[in-house]
N, C-alpha and C. Protein backbone atom coordinates (compact mmCIF):
# COMPACT_ATOMS: atom_id res chain seq x y z
N MET A 1 3.09 -48.77 -64.29
CA MET A 1 3.12 -50.15 -63.70
C MET A 1 2.73 -49.91 -62.22
N PRO A 2 1.66 -50.84 -61.64
CA PRO A 2 1.21 -50.42 -60.42
C PRO A 2 1.99 -50.82 -59.28
N SER A 3 1.86 -49.98 -58.40
CA SER A 3 2.76 -50.02 -57.12
C SER A 3 2.42 -51.10 -56.25
N ILE A 4 3.21 -51.79 -55.56
CA ILE A 4 2.91 -52.82 -54.77
C ILE A 4 3.49 -52.45 -53.35
N LYS A 5 2.46 -52.71 -52.47
CA LYS A 5 2.59 -52.54 -51.03
C LYS A 5 2.87 -53.61 -50.41
N ILE A 6 4.34 -53.59 -49.63
CA ILE A 6 4.59 -54.73 -48.70
C ILE A 6 4.31 -54.35 -47.50
N TYR A 7 3.51 -55.14 -46.80
CA TYR A 7 3.28 -55.02 -45.32
C TYR A 7 4.70 -55.51 -44.57
N SER A 8 5.03 -54.66 -43.64
CA SER A 8 6.28 -54.98 -42.72
C SER A 8 5.67 -54.59 -41.35
N PRO A 9 5.92 -55.64 -40.43
CA PRO A 9 5.61 -55.42 -39.04
C PRO A 9 6.45 -54.45 -38.39
N TYR A 10 7.50 -54.17 -38.91
CA TYR A 10 8.53 -53.18 -38.37
C TYR A 10 8.47 -51.69 -38.81
N ARG A 11 7.42 -51.37 -39.47
CA ARG A 11 7.14 -50.07 -40.36
C ARG A 11 6.88 -49.02 -39.29
N ASN A 12 6.02 -49.26 -38.28
CA ASN A 12 5.76 -48.47 -37.23
C ASN A 12 6.55 -48.68 -35.96
N SER A 13 7.50 -49.32 -35.83
CA SER A 13 8.15 -49.86 -34.83
C SER A 13 8.86 -48.72 -34.11
N PHE A 14 9.28 -47.65 -34.93
CA PHE A 14 10.15 -46.34 -34.55
C PHE A 14 9.27 -45.64 -33.80
N SER A 15 7.87 -45.21 -34.24
CA SER A 15 7.11 -44.40 -33.52
C SER A 15 6.49 -45.13 -32.19
N VAL A 16 6.57 -46.41 -32.34
CA VAL A 16 6.10 -47.14 -31.00
C VAL A 16 7.16 -46.90 -30.12
N SER A 17 8.49 -47.27 -30.36
CA SER A 17 9.60 -47.32 -29.44
C SER A 17 9.69 -45.83 -28.81
N ASN A 18 9.38 -44.78 -29.60
CA ASN A 18 9.48 -43.29 -29.26
C ASN A 18 8.31 -43.09 -28.05
N SER A 19 7.39 -43.55 -28.42
CA SER A 19 6.25 -43.51 -27.39
C SER A 19 6.39 -44.30 -26.28
N ILE A 20 7.10 -45.42 -26.14
CA ILE A 20 7.37 -46.21 -24.83
C ILE A 20 8.72 -45.15 -24.23
N ASN A 21 9.58 -44.82 -25.03
CA ASN A 21 10.66 -44.13 -24.52
C ASN A 21 9.98 -42.71 -23.73
N ALA A 22 8.95 -42.13 -24.21
CA ALA A 22 8.23 -40.84 -23.80
C ALA A 22 7.74 -41.20 -22.49
N LEU A 23 7.08 -42.57 -22.46
CA LEU A 23 6.22 -42.80 -21.26
C LEU A 23 7.15 -43.09 -20.12
N SER A 24 8.34 -43.80 -20.39
CA SER A 24 9.41 -44.44 -19.39
C SER A 24 10.18 -43.28 -18.70
N THR A 25 10.36 -42.01 -19.58
CA THR A 25 11.11 -40.90 -19.05
C THR A 25 10.36 -40.15 -17.78
N PRO A 26 10.93 -40.11 -16.84
CA PRO A 26 10.07 -39.16 -15.73
C PRO A 26 9.84 -37.81 -16.13
N PRO A 27 8.62 -37.15 -15.99
CA PRO A 27 8.21 -35.98 -16.45
C PRO A 27 9.12 -34.84 -15.72
N VAL A 28 9.33 -33.82 -16.57
CA VAL A 28 10.22 -32.60 -15.77
C VAL A 28 9.23 -31.86 -15.21
N ILE A 29 9.40 -31.60 -13.84
CA ILE A 29 8.46 -30.85 -13.02
C ILE A 29 9.01 -29.57 -12.63
N PRO A 30 8.79 -28.26 -13.14
CA PRO A 30 9.24 -27.25 -12.91
C PRO A 30 9.45 -26.86 -11.20
N ALA A 31 10.46 -26.17 -11.06
CA ALA A 31 10.63 -25.53 -9.47
C ALA A 31 9.72 -24.80 -9.24
N PRO A 32 9.20 -25.02 -8.05
CA PRO A 32 8.04 -23.87 -7.43
C PRO A 32 8.55 -22.57 -7.34
N VAL A 33 7.63 -21.78 -7.73
CA VAL A 33 7.72 -20.37 -7.99
C VAL A 33 7.53 -19.50 -6.56
N ALA A 34 8.14 -18.73 -6.00
CA ALA A 34 7.67 -17.86 -5.25
C ALA A 34 6.71 -17.16 -5.29
N PRO A 35 5.77 -16.84 -4.47
CA PRO A 35 4.56 -16.08 -4.66
C PRO A 35 5.07 -14.55 -4.72
N VAL A 36 4.51 -13.74 -5.67
CA VAL A 36 5.00 -12.33 -5.81
C VAL A 36 4.31 -11.66 -4.76
N VAL A 37 5.17 -10.94 -4.01
CA VAL A 37 4.62 -10.04 -2.82
C VAL A 37 4.77 -8.75 -3.13
N PRO A 38 3.76 -7.67 -3.47
CA PRO A 38 3.63 -6.35 -3.77
C PRO A 38 4.47 -5.56 -3.04
N VAL A 39 5.56 -4.93 -3.53
CA VAL A 39 6.18 -4.09 -2.74
C VAL A 39 5.92 -2.48 -2.95
N GLY A 40 5.66 -1.94 -1.87
CA GLY A 40 5.09 -0.54 -1.92
C GLY A 40 5.34 0.13 -0.63
N PRO A 41 4.49 1.31 -0.52
CA PRO A 41 4.67 2.03 0.78
C PRO A 41 3.74 1.44 1.73
N PRO A 42 4.03 1.29 3.27
CA PRO A 42 3.04 0.79 4.08
C PRO A 42 1.97 1.84 3.94
N LEU A 43 0.74 1.23 4.31
CA LEU A 43 -0.76 1.80 4.66
C LEU A 43 -0.27 3.43 5.36
N THR A 44 0.36 3.16 6.48
CA THR A 44 0.64 4.39 7.25
C THR A 44 2.21 4.65 7.13
N SER A 45 2.42 5.95 7.01
CA SER A 45 4.02 6.07 6.98
C SER A 45 4.44 6.07 8.29
N PRO A 46 5.54 5.63 8.69
CA PRO A 46 6.11 5.68 10.02
C PRO A 46 6.74 7.17 10.41
N SER A 47 6.87 7.94 9.34
CA SER A 47 7.50 9.31 9.57
C SER A 47 6.46 10.01 9.93
N LEU A 48 5.28 9.99 9.62
CA LEU A 48 4.07 10.80 9.88
C LEU A 48 3.46 10.45 11.42
N PRO A 49 3.18 11.29 12.12
CA PRO A 49 2.37 10.89 13.14
C PRO A 49 1.08 10.47 13.04
N LYS A 50 0.53 9.57 13.74
CA LYS A 50 -0.89 9.20 13.59
C LYS A 50 -1.82 10.03 13.96
N LEU A 51 -2.72 10.58 13.09
CA LEU A 51 -3.52 11.65 13.34
C LEU A 51 -4.86 11.11 14.05
N PRO A 52 -5.15 11.78 15.29
CA PRO A 52 -6.49 11.60 16.20
C PRO A 52 -7.80 11.65 14.94
N LEU A 53 -8.75 11.01 15.19
CA LEU A 53 -10.00 10.95 14.38
C LEU A 53 -10.47 12.42 14.47
N PRO A 54 -11.22 12.79 13.56
CA PRO A 54 -11.73 14.14 13.64
C PRO A 54 -12.98 14.18 14.47
N ASP A 55 -13.08 15.35 15.05
CA ASP A 55 -14.41 15.39 15.74
C ASP A 55 -15.66 15.09 15.00
N THR A 56 -16.72 14.68 15.84
CA THR A 56 -17.84 14.41 15.11
C THR A 56 -18.64 15.69 14.71
N PHE A 57 -19.44 15.74 13.78
CA PHE A 57 -20.07 16.94 13.11
C PHE A 57 -21.52 16.72 13.37
N SER A 58 -22.24 17.51 14.34
CA SER A 58 -23.74 17.69 14.50
C SER A 58 -24.49 18.46 13.48
N ARG A 59 -24.34 19.76 13.68
CA ARG A 59 -24.97 20.76 12.89
C ARG A 59 -24.48 22.13 12.69
N LYS A 60 -23.86 22.68 13.86
CA LYS A 60 -23.40 24.06 13.87
C LYS A 60 -22.39 24.45 12.62
N PRO A 61 -22.99 25.42 11.82
CA PRO A 61 -22.24 25.94 10.68
C PRO A 61 -20.95 26.13 11.02
N GLU A 62 -20.53 26.79 12.11
CA GLU A 62 -19.18 27.28 12.45
C GLU A 62 -18.34 26.04 12.74
N GLU A 63 -18.74 24.91 12.85
CA GLU A 63 -18.00 23.61 12.93
C GLU A 63 -17.69 23.09 11.63
N LEU A 64 -18.51 23.20 10.63
CA LEU A 64 -18.21 22.55 9.34
C LEU A 64 -16.80 22.51 8.70
N ARG A 65 -16.34 24.00 8.63
CA ARG A 65 -15.17 24.02 7.81
C ARG A 65 -14.08 23.25 8.67
N PRO A 66 -13.74 23.59 10.13
CA PRO A 66 -12.81 22.92 10.71
C PRO A 66 -12.88 21.13 10.63
N PHE A 67 -14.25 20.86 10.70
CA PHE A 67 -14.53 19.15 10.38
C PHE A 67 -14.12 18.79 9.20
N LEU A 68 -14.30 19.61 8.12
CA LEU A 68 -13.93 19.08 6.72
C LEU A 68 -12.35 19.07 6.63
N GLN A 69 -11.69 20.14 7.36
CA GLN A 69 -10.26 20.25 6.94
C GLN A 69 -9.55 18.98 7.74
N GLN A 70 -10.36 18.75 8.90
CA GLN A 70 -9.65 17.58 9.75
C GLN A 70 -9.95 16.15 8.97
N CYS A 71 -11.13 16.10 8.18
CA CYS A 71 -11.20 14.81 7.50
C CYS A 71 -10.30 14.81 6.12
N ARG A 72 -10.09 16.19 5.68
CA ARG A 72 -8.96 16.25 4.64
C ARG A 72 -7.41 15.76 4.89
N SER A 73 -7.21 16.29 6.19
CA SER A 73 -5.98 15.78 6.65
C SER A 73 -5.80 14.53 6.98
N HIS A 74 -6.86 13.88 7.28
CA HIS A 74 -6.95 12.32 7.54
C HIS A 74 -6.63 11.61 6.26
N PHE A 75 -7.59 12.13 5.11
CA PHE A 75 -7.30 11.62 3.83
C PHE A 75 -5.84 11.65 3.57
N ARG A 76 -5.33 12.75 3.48
CA ARG A 76 -3.98 12.96 3.10
C ARG A 76 -2.98 12.11 3.67
N SER A 77 -3.27 12.07 5.00
CA SER A 77 -2.20 11.01 5.93
C SER A 77 -2.20 9.46 5.58
N SER A 78 -3.25 9.14 5.12
CA SER A 78 -3.25 7.76 4.47
C SER A 78 -3.98 7.60 3.37
N PRO A 79 -3.35 8.19 2.28
CA PRO A 79 -4.01 7.95 0.85
C PRO A 79 -4.39 6.45 0.36
N ALA A 80 -3.57 5.47 0.75
CA ALA A 80 -3.92 4.26 0.46
C ALA A 80 -5.05 3.87 0.99
N ALA A 81 -5.41 4.13 2.36
CA ALA A 81 -6.59 3.71 3.06
C ALA A 81 -7.86 4.46 2.54
N PHE A 82 -7.63 5.48 1.73
CA PHE A 82 -8.98 6.24 1.23
C PHE A 82 -8.87 6.41 -0.14
N GLY A 83 -8.24 5.60 -0.95
CA GLY A 83 -8.39 5.82 -2.49
C GLY A 83 -9.53 6.15 -3.03
N PRO A 84 -10.59 5.24 -3.21
CA PRO A 84 -11.94 5.65 -3.83
C PRO A 84 -12.62 6.57 -2.84
N ASP A 85 -13.49 7.25 -3.85
CA ASP A 85 -14.34 8.28 -3.00
C ASP A 85 -15.38 7.86 -2.02
N HIS A 86 -15.81 6.41 -2.22
CA HIS A 86 -16.81 5.81 -1.55
C HIS A 86 -16.27 5.50 -0.18
N LEU A 87 -14.95 5.19 -0.07
CA LEU A 87 -14.18 5.37 1.36
C LEU A 87 -14.30 6.62 2.22
N LYS A 88 -13.93 7.52 1.33
CA LYS A 88 -14.21 8.82 1.98
C LYS A 88 -15.21 9.16 2.66
N VAL A 89 -16.44 8.94 1.78
CA VAL A 89 -17.97 9.23 1.97
C VAL A 89 -18.31 8.43 3.27
N THR A 90 -17.94 7.32 3.31
CA THR A 90 -18.35 6.46 4.41
C THR A 90 -17.52 6.92 5.70
N PHE A 91 -16.36 7.35 5.49
CA PHE A 91 -15.71 7.81 6.71
C PHE A 91 -16.36 8.88 7.30
N VAL A 92 -16.55 9.90 6.43
CA VAL A 92 -17.29 11.00 6.95
C VAL A 92 -18.68 10.81 7.40
N LEU A 93 -19.47 9.99 6.87
CA LEU A 93 -20.68 9.56 7.25
C LEU A 93 -20.89 9.08 8.80
N ASN A 94 -19.81 8.27 9.03
CA ASN A 94 -19.52 7.85 10.42
C ASN A 94 -19.29 8.68 11.30
N LEU A 95 -18.93 9.96 11.04
CA LEU A 95 -18.69 10.86 11.99
C LEU A 95 -19.86 11.96 12.13
N LEU A 96 -20.94 11.77 11.57
CA LEU A 96 -21.93 12.59 11.58
C LEU A 96 -22.97 12.24 12.71
N ARG A 97 -23.43 13.26 13.59
CA ARG A 97 -24.48 13.00 14.67
C ARG A 97 -25.45 13.94 14.48
N GLY A 98 -26.59 13.58 15.22
CA GLY A 98 -27.63 14.62 15.53
C GLY A 98 -28.49 14.96 14.18
N SER A 99 -28.56 16.30 14.10
CA SER A 99 -29.52 16.65 12.95
C SER A 99 -28.78 16.56 11.70
N ALA A 100 -27.45 16.63 11.79
CA ALA A 100 -26.65 16.26 10.21
C ALA A 100 -26.77 14.89 9.76
N LEU A 101 -26.83 13.85 10.79
CA LEU A 101 -27.01 12.47 10.34
C LEU A 101 -28.42 12.27 10.18
N ALA A 102 -29.26 12.76 10.97
CA ALA A 102 -30.99 12.82 10.47
C ALA A 102 -31.13 13.36 9.01
N TRP A 103 -30.36 14.55 8.52
CA TRP A 103 -30.57 15.05 7.22
C TRP A 103 -30.16 14.05 6.21
N VAL A 104 -28.94 13.42 6.53
CA VAL A 104 -28.53 12.65 5.48
C VAL A 104 -29.10 11.22 5.46
N THR A 105 -29.52 10.74 6.31
CA THR A 105 -30.20 9.50 6.42
C THR A 105 -31.19 9.12 5.24
N PRO A 106 -32.10 9.88 5.17
CA PRO A 106 -33.11 9.60 3.83
C PRO A 106 -32.24 9.62 2.67
N LEU A 107 -31.27 10.32 2.50
CA LEU A 107 -30.48 10.32 1.07
C LEU A 107 -29.98 9.01 0.97
N LEU A 108 -29.31 8.37 2.06
CA LEU A 108 -28.76 7.06 2.01
C LEU A 108 -29.76 6.01 1.79
N LEU A 109 -31.02 6.06 2.41
CA LEU A 109 -31.74 5.12 1.95
C LEU A 109 -32.21 4.97 0.56
N HIS A 110 -32.01 6.01 -0.22
CA HIS A 110 -32.39 5.85 -1.70
C HIS A 110 -31.26 5.51 -2.82
N CYS A 111 -30.02 5.36 -1.94
CA CYS A 111 -28.78 4.82 -2.82
C CYS A 111 -28.90 3.39 -3.00
C-alpha cells in the first residue's frame, strides 16, 4: 500500500522554537583569564655582586688568559643574559681594541 504524506505546518515547529530560544538566550562569556607570567630566577642574582666589565683586549699575549677568564666569570655570573653563543661572541667582540679588533674585522665582514 502506498504511504500517504500529510503536510503539517507544525511539523518543524519544535526545531524553529529551539532556534528562537537559542537566539534569545544571552551568550555565555567566559571570565577573563589572567596572563601567564613566567616565574624564574631574575637575570641577575641579588646574592652575587655585580661584576665590572672585563678589561679590553688589544693584542698582548700575556693579557689574553686574564681577559678570557674575566669574560668567563661574566658569563657564569649572568647565565640568562648570555645563553646563546652568539651573545657571548658579541660581548667579547665589543671588548676588542687595536690590532685584535683589526684582526677580527675582516672575518666579521664575511659572516
